[in-house]
Amino acid sequence: MLDIGPLELVALVVLAVLIFGPDKLPKMIQDVSRTLRKIRQFSESAKEDIRSELGPEFKDFEFEDLNPKTFVRKHVLDKDELGLKEIRNGFDLKAEMTDVADAVHGRTGDAAASGSAPSAADNGSPARPDLLKKRDKPEPGERPPFDSDAT
């Protein structure tokens, strides 16, 4: 009941008796219950009015479906009209990540399958540039590299 434990409920009753007094408490309970009943009747009549105005196409419309979690659960996860389960089952994240890592490291499909990266001795030229290697000194007559963003 609204996540109220028994100890909290007793504390609320004692607090209500202290605030309103034992003589006014029954009338306050009646007034609150009457107000809640009127609010519930008002919301039900508003729902019925909206359903009747929407027409027969929306006769099975539920206002609980307006909650985004309920809407997604009902229309996407439970019904698999879009074939989402097939897509989800056909997607192999591990294989995709391996392919991306191989592409980044410059490995081909057969070299990646054998587990060895191509080396410079295989075909005489490096398979990929060494991006971390820096030259000690520029060649004589060569201008040093210029980075316009760094200046």
Protein backbone atom coordinates (compact mmCIF):
# COMPACT_ATOMS: atom_id res chain seq x y z
CA MET A 1 0.00 0.00 0.00
CA LEU A 2 2.06 2.92 -1.33
CA ASP A 3 5.23 1.50 0.25
CA ILE A 4 4.05 2.38 3.76
CA GLY A 5 5.12 -0.10 6.39
CA PRO A 6 3.10 -1.03 9.46
CA LEU A 7 5.20 1.11 11.78
CA GLU A 8 4.79 4.14 9.49
CA LEU A 9 1.03 3.54 9.30
CA VAL A 10 0.75 3.48 13.12
CA ALA A 11 2.81 6.69 13.29
CA LEU A 12 0.45 8.37 10.79
CA VAL A 13 -2.63 7.30 12.78
CA VAL A 14 -1.13 8.62 16.03
CA LEU A 15 -0.15 11.86 14.33
CA ALA A 16 -3.67 12.26 12.87
CA VAL A 17 -5.24 11.70 16.30
CA LEU A 18 -2.92 14.29 17.83
CA ILE A 19 -3.55 16.90 15.11
CA PHE A 20 -7.30 16.54 14.58
CA GLY A 21 -8.33 15.06 17.89
CA PRO A 22 -10.41 11.97 18.50
CA ASP A 23 -13.73 13.81 18.05
CA LYS A 24 -12.94 15.35 14.61
CA LEU A 25 -10.98 12.40 13.19
CA PRO A 26 -14.01 10.32 11.99
CA LYS A 27 -15.43 13.35 10.13
CA MET A 28 -12.01 14.04 8.53
CA ILE A 29 -11.75 10.41 7.38
CA GLN A 30 -15.23 10.63 5.83
CA ASP A 31 -14.37 13.88 4.07
CA VAL A 32 -11.11 12.52 2.67
CA SER A 33 -12.75 9.30 1.47
CA ARG A 34 -15.60 11.26 -0.14
CA THR A 35 -13.09 13.53 -1.91
CA LEU A 36 -11.07 10.57 -3.17
CA ARG A 37 -14.25 8.90 -4.42
CA LYS A 38 -15.27 12.07 -6.32
CA ILE A 39 -11.80 12.40 -7.86
CA ARG A 40 -11.90 8.75 -8.96
CA GLN A 41 -15.39 9.20 -10.49
CA PHE A 42 -14.26 12.38 -12.25
CA SER A 43 -11.21 10.67 -13.76
CA GLU A 44 -13.25 7.66 -14.91
CA SER A 45 -15.85 9.89 -16.57
CA ALA A 46 -13.09 11.91 -18.25
CA LYS A 47 -11.54 8.69 -19.58
CA GLU A 48 -14.88 7.52 -20.93
CA ASP A 49 -15.48 10.91 -22.59
CA ILE A 50 -12.08 10.78 -24.26
CA ARG A 51 -12.66 7.21 -25.47
CA SER A 52 -16.07 8.12 -26.90
CA GLU A 53 -14.63 11.21 -28.65
CA LEU A 54 -11.76 9.23 -30.18
CA GLY A 55 -14.19 6.92 -31.93
CA PRO A 56 -14.49 3.17 -32.43
CA GLU A 57 -10.90 2.82 -33.74
CA PHE A 58 -9.60 3.54 -30.23
CA LYS A 59 -12.05 1.43 -28.24
CA ASP A 60 -9.21 -0.65 -26.78
CA PHE A 61 -7.14 2.44 -25.92
CA GLU A 62 -5.73 2.31 -22.40
CA PHE A 63 -4.37 5.39 -20.66
CA GLU A 64 -1.72 3.26 -18.99
CA ASP A 65 -0.18 2.86 -22.47
CA LEU A 66 0.79 6.53 -22.36
CA ASN A 67 3.53 5.62 -19.91
CA PRO A 68 6.63 5.26 -22.14
CA LYS A 69 7.82 2.04 -20.45
CA THR A 70 4.43 0.39 -20.84
CA PHE A 71 4.11 1.60 -24.44
CA VAL A 72 7.51 0.20 -25.46
CA ARG A 73 6.91 -3.07 -23.62
CA LYS A 74 3.52 -3.54 -25.27
CA HIS A 75 4.30 -2.45 -28.82
CA VAL A 76 7.93 -3.37 -29.33
CA LEU A 77 9.09 -6.03 -26.90
CA ASP A 78 6.03 -8.28 -26.60
CA LYS A 79 4.95 -8.21 -30.22
CA ASP A 80 7.69 -9.11 -32.62
CA GLU A 81 6.06 -7.89 -35.82
CA LEU A 82 9.19 -5.98 -36.80
CA GLY A 83 11.50 -8.98 -36.52
CA LEU A 84 13.53 -7.41 -33.74
CA LYS A 85 14.28 -10.76 -32.15
CA GLU A 86 15.84 -12.01 -35.39
CA ILE A 87 17.94 -8.86 -35.66
CA ARG A 88 18.98 -9.08 -32.02
CA ASN A 89 19.91 -12.76 -32.34
CA GLY A 90 21.76 -12.20 -35.64
CA PHE A 91 23.98 -9.49 -34.21
CA ASP A 92 27.24 -10.79 -32.79
CA LEU A 93 28.88 -7.95 -30.88
CA LYS A 94 32.08 -9.85 -30.21
CA ALA A 95 32.65 -10.63 -33.89
CA GLU A 96 31.85 -7.04 -34.87
CA MET A 97 34.33 -5.68 -32.32
CA THR A 98 36.99 -8.09 -33.57
CA ASP A 99 36.42 -6.92 -37.15
CA VAL A 100 36.69 -3.29 -36.10
CA ALA A 101 39.87 -3.96 -34.11
CA ASP A 102 41.40 -5.79 -37.10
CA ALA A 103 40.52 -2.92 -39.41
CA VAL A 104 42.07 -0.39 -37.01
CA HIS A 105 45.25 -2.43 -36.68
CA GLY A 106 45.46 -3.01 -40.44
CA ARG A 107 45.07 -6.76 -40.28
CA THR A 108 43.33 -8.58 -43.09
CA GLY A 109 40.75 -11.31 -42.61
CA ASP A 110 43.16 -14.23 -43.19
CA ALA A 111 45.92 -12.72 -41.02
CA ALA A 112 43.43 -12.02 -38.27
CA ALA A 113 42.20 -15.58 -38.44
CA SER A 114 45.71 -16.99 -38.13
CA GLY A 115 46.40 -14.70 -35.18
CA SER A 116 49.54 -13.06 -36.58
CA ALA A 117 49.84 -9.50 -37.76
CA PRO A 118 51.50 -8.86 -41.12
CA SER A 119 55.09 -7.77 -40.82
CA ALA A 120 57.49 -5.80 -42.99
CA ALA A 121 59.40 -8.95 -43.89
CA ASP A 122 56.34 -10.52 -45.60
CA ASN A 123 56.25 -8.25 -48.64
CA GLY A 124 59.14 -5.82 -48.20
CA SER A 125 57.03 -2.84 -47.11
CA PRO A 126 55.35 -2.15 -43.82
CA ALA A 127 51.67 -3.18 -43.72
CA ARG A 128 50.75 -0.10 -41.73
CA PRO A 129 52.47 3.12 -40.84
CA ASP A 130 54.05 3.48 -37.43
CA LEU A 131 52.18 6.48 -36.10
CA LEU A 132 54.14 6.68 -32.86
CA LYS A 133 57.63 6.76 -34.41
CA LYS A 134 59.24 10.18 -34.40
CA ARG A 135 62.38 11.24 -36.25
CA ASP A 136 65.26 12.55 -34.16
CA LYS A 137 66.41 15.31 -36.55
CA PRO A 138 65.05 16.53 -39.86
CA GLU A 139 67.08 15.86 -43.02
CA PRO A 140 69.50 18.66 -44.03
CA GLY A 141 67.55 21.34 -45.86
CA GLU A 142 64.17 19.97 -44.71
CA ARG A 143 61.85 22.26 -42.83
CA PRO A 144 60.56 21.11 -39.46
CA PRO A 145 56.90 20.07 -39.36
CA PHE A 146 54.46 22.94 -38.91
CA ASP A 147 51.23 22.53 -36.95
CA SER A 148 48.91 25.50 -37.46
CA ASP A 149 46.70 24.46 -34.54
CA ALA A 150 49.63 24.41 -32.12
CA THR A 151 50.75 27.99 -32.86
